[in-house]
N, C-alpha and C. Protein backbone atom coordinates (compact mmCIF):
# COMPACT_ATOMS: atom_id res chain seq x y z
N THR A 1 -37.95 -31.72 27.32
CA THR A 1 -39.40 -31.37 27.90
C THR A 1 -40.03 -32.53 27.60
N TYR A 2 -41.17 -32.74 28.53
CA TYR A 2 -41.93 -33.84 28.35
C TYR A 2 -42.56 -34.16 27.04
N LEU A 3 -43.23 -33.08 26.27
CA LEU A 3 -43.77 -33.51 25.17
C LEU A 3 -42.59 -34.21 24.06
N GLY A 4 -41.45 -33.46 23.99
CA GLY A 4 -40.35 -33.74 23.16
C GLY A 4 -40.07 -35.00 23.42
N GLN A 5 -39.99 -35.88 24.90
CA GLN A 5 -39.84 -37.05 25.21
C GLN A 5 -40.80 -38.07 24.82
N ALA A 6 -42.05 -37.43 24.93
CA ALA A 6 -43.27 -38.49 24.44
C ALA A 6 -43.14 -38.73 22.87
N ALA A 7 -42.83 -37.46 22.16
CA ALA A 7 -43.02 -37.83 20.77
C ALA A 7 -41.76 -38.64 20.62
N ARG A 8 -40.62 -38.36 20.76
CA ARG A 8 -39.39 -39.68 20.68
C ARG A 8 -40.11 -41.13 21.01
N LEU A 9 -40.54 -41.34 22.23
CA LEU A 9 -40.95 -42.63 22.40
C LEU A 9 -42.13 -43.02 21.50
N MET A 10 -42.75 -42.29 20.92
CA MET A 10 -43.96 -42.80 20.10
C MET A 10 -43.38 -43.52 18.97
N VAL A 11 -42.37 -42.37 18.49
CA VAL A 11 -41.80 -43.09 17.39
C VAL A 11 -40.40 -44.32 17.52
N GLY A 12 -40.60 -44.44 18.77
CA GLY A 12 -39.36 -45.77 18.99
C GLY A 12 -38.10 -45.13 19.51
N LEU A 13 -38.04 -43.73 19.59
CA LEU A 13 -36.53 -43.32 19.91
C LEU A 13 -36.35 -42.98 21.40
N PRO A 14 -35.57 -43.77 21.98
CA PRO A 14 -35.83 -43.83 23.80
C PRO A 14 -34.57 -42.15 23.88
N ASP A 15 -35.00 -41.74 25.18
CA ASP A 15 -34.38 -40.26 25.45
C ASP A 15 -33.09 -40.52 26.05
N TYR A 16 -31.98 -40.26 25.47
CA TYR A 16 -30.82 -40.20 26.25
C TYR A 16 -30.40 -39.64 27.59
N GLY A 17 -31.07 -38.68 27.66
CA GLY A 17 -30.79 -37.61 28.68
C GLY A 17 -31.71 -38.08 30.00
N THR A 18 -32.91 -38.91 29.75
CA THR A 18 -33.54 -39.47 30.80
C THR A 18 -32.76 -40.82 31.13
N TYR A 19 -32.06 -41.65 30.25
CA TYR A 19 -30.98 -42.72 30.30
C TYR A 19 -30.01 -42.36 31.30
N VAL A 20 -29.64 -41.09 31.18
CA VAL A 20 -28.13 -40.77 31.94
C VAL A 20 -28.78 -40.14 33.18
N ALA A 21 -29.94 -39.53 33.42
CA ALA A 21 -30.32 -39.34 34.81
C ALA A 21 -30.63 -40.59 35.76
N HIS A 22 -31.42 -41.47 35.08
CA HIS A 22 -31.64 -42.78 35.51
C HIS A 22 -30.37 -43.49 36.27
N MET A 23 -29.46 -43.70 35.24
CA MET A 23 -27.96 -44.16 35.90
C MET A 23 -27.80 -43.59 36.68
N ARG A 24 -27.36 -42.07 36.99
CA ARG A 24 -26.51 -41.39 37.60
C ARG A 24 -27.37 -41.34 39.14
N ALA A 25 -28.83 -41.64 38.97
CA ALA A 25 -29.21 -41.50 39.99
C ALA A 25 -29.64 -42.97 40.87
N THR A 26 -29.85 -43.97 40.00
CA THR A 26 -29.99 -45.39 40.29
C THR A 26 -29.02 -46.20 40.61
N HIS A 27 -27.74 -45.97 39.62
CA HIS A 27 -26.82 -47.13 39.18
C HIS A 27 -25.48 -46.11 39.29
N PRO A 28 -25.17 -45.35 40.51
CA PRO A 28 -24.16 -44.59 40.28
C PRO A 28 -22.97 -45.34 40.14
N ASP A 29 -22.86 -46.57 40.51
CA ASP A 29 -21.71 -47.09 40.29
C ASP A 29 -21.14 -47.92 39.20
N LEU A 30 -22.19 -47.66 38.24
CA LEU A 30 -22.05 -48.32 36.70
C LEU A 30 -21.72 -47.37 35.62
N PRO A 31 -21.00 -47.94 34.61
CA PRO A 31 -20.80 -46.61 33.48
C PRO A 31 -21.83 -46.36 32.98
N VAL A 32 -21.97 -45.27 32.31
CA VAL A 32 -22.90 -44.83 31.85
C VAL A 32 -22.53 -44.59 30.11
N MET A 33 -23.33 -45.74 29.23
CA MET A 33 -22.96 -45.57 27.75
C MET A 33 -22.81 -44.10 27.18
N SER A 34 -22.00 -44.09 26.10
CA SER A 34 -21.95 -42.95 25.46
C SER A 34 -23.37 -42.72 24.73
N GLU A 35 -23.58 -41.80 24.12
CA GLU A 35 -24.83 -41.54 23.11
C GLU A 35 -25.11 -42.58 21.99
N THR A 36 -23.78 -42.57 21.29
CA THR A 36 -23.73 -43.70 20.39
C THR A 36 -24.13 -45.06 20.66
N GLU A 37 -23.20 -45.21 21.92
CA GLU A 37 -23.35 -46.93 22.55
C GLU A 37 -24.93 -47.02 22.79
N PHE A 38 -25.73 -45.86 23.60
CA PHE A 38 -27.00 -45.81 23.99
C PHE A 38 -27.99 -46.48 22.74
N PHE A 39 -27.80 -45.30 21.60
CA PHE A 39 -28.55 -45.47 20.52
C PHE A 39 -28.63 -47.04 19.74
N ARG A 40 -27.26 -47.53 19.84
CA ARG A 40 -27.06 -48.88 19.13
C ARG A 40 -27.58 -50.11 19.93
N ASN A 41 -27.49 -49.61 21.17
CA ASN A 41 -27.96 -50.56 22.29
C ASN A 41 -29.53 -50.58 22.07
N ARG A 42 -30.33 -49.54 21.98
CA ARG A 42 -31.24 -49.68 22.07
C ARG A 42 -32.10 -49.86 20.49
N GLN A 43 -31.27 -49.55 19.74
CA GLN A 43 -31.56 -50.29 18.22
C GLN A 43 -31.68 -51.76 18.33
N GLU A 44 -30.43 -52.09 18.89
CA GLU A 44 -30.41 -54.01 18.81
C GLU A 44 -31.49 -54.43 19.52
N ALA A 45 -31.68 -53.60 20.75
CA ALA A 45 -33.20 -54.30 21.70
C ALA A 45 -34.37 -54.44 20.70
N ARG A 46 -34.36 -53.44 19.97
CA ARG A 46 -35.97 -53.12 19.13
C ARG A 46 -35.75 -54.13 17.96
N TYR A 47 -34.86 -54.52 17.08
CA TYR A 47 -34.60 -54.87 15.94
C TYR A 47 -33.88 -56.13 16.03
N GLY A 48 -33.00 -56.38 17.01
CA GLY A 48 -32.12 -57.87 16.97
C GLY A 48 -31.06 -57.02 16.39
N SER A 49 -29.60 -57.96 16.25
CA SER A 49 -28.34 -57.85 15.96
C SER A 49 -28.43 -57.49 14.37
N GLY A 50 -29.57 -57.62 13.45
CA GLY A 50 -29.15 -57.62 12.20
C GLY A 50 -28.79 -58.63 11.50
N ARG A 51 -28.66 -59.85 12.17
CA ARG A 51 -28.10 -60.93 11.91
C ARG A 51 -29.38 -62.18 11.70
N SER A 52 -29.60 -62.66 10.78
CA SER A 52 -30.69 -63.33 10.38
C SER A 52 -30.47 -64.97 10.68
N GLY A 53 -29.34 -65.12 11.20
CA GLY A 53 -28.84 -66.72 11.45
C GLY A 53 -28.61 -67.48 10.40
N GLY A 54 -28.93 -67.21 9.10
CA GLY A 54 -28.47 -67.91 7.76
C GLY A 54 -27.40 -67.52 7.57
N CYS A 55 -27.24 -67.74 6.18
CA CYS A 55 -25.76 -67.94 5.51
C CYS A 55 -25.44 -66.41 4.83
N CYS A 56 -26.57 -65.87 4.80
CA CYS A 56 -26.30 -64.41 4.13
C CYS A 56 -26.59 -63.22 4.84
């Protein structure tokens, strides 16, 4: 639902269903990430890979 999607976006959680629909409609020749891959991808895009570039 639109309200649920808006709530997820407000707290920084993109909607997997919207992503899948977009990929199938716009990029049918490209593979669709699994829900786990999608979550990790969005998490890395938002917070980085978790590596600070230092020694620890």
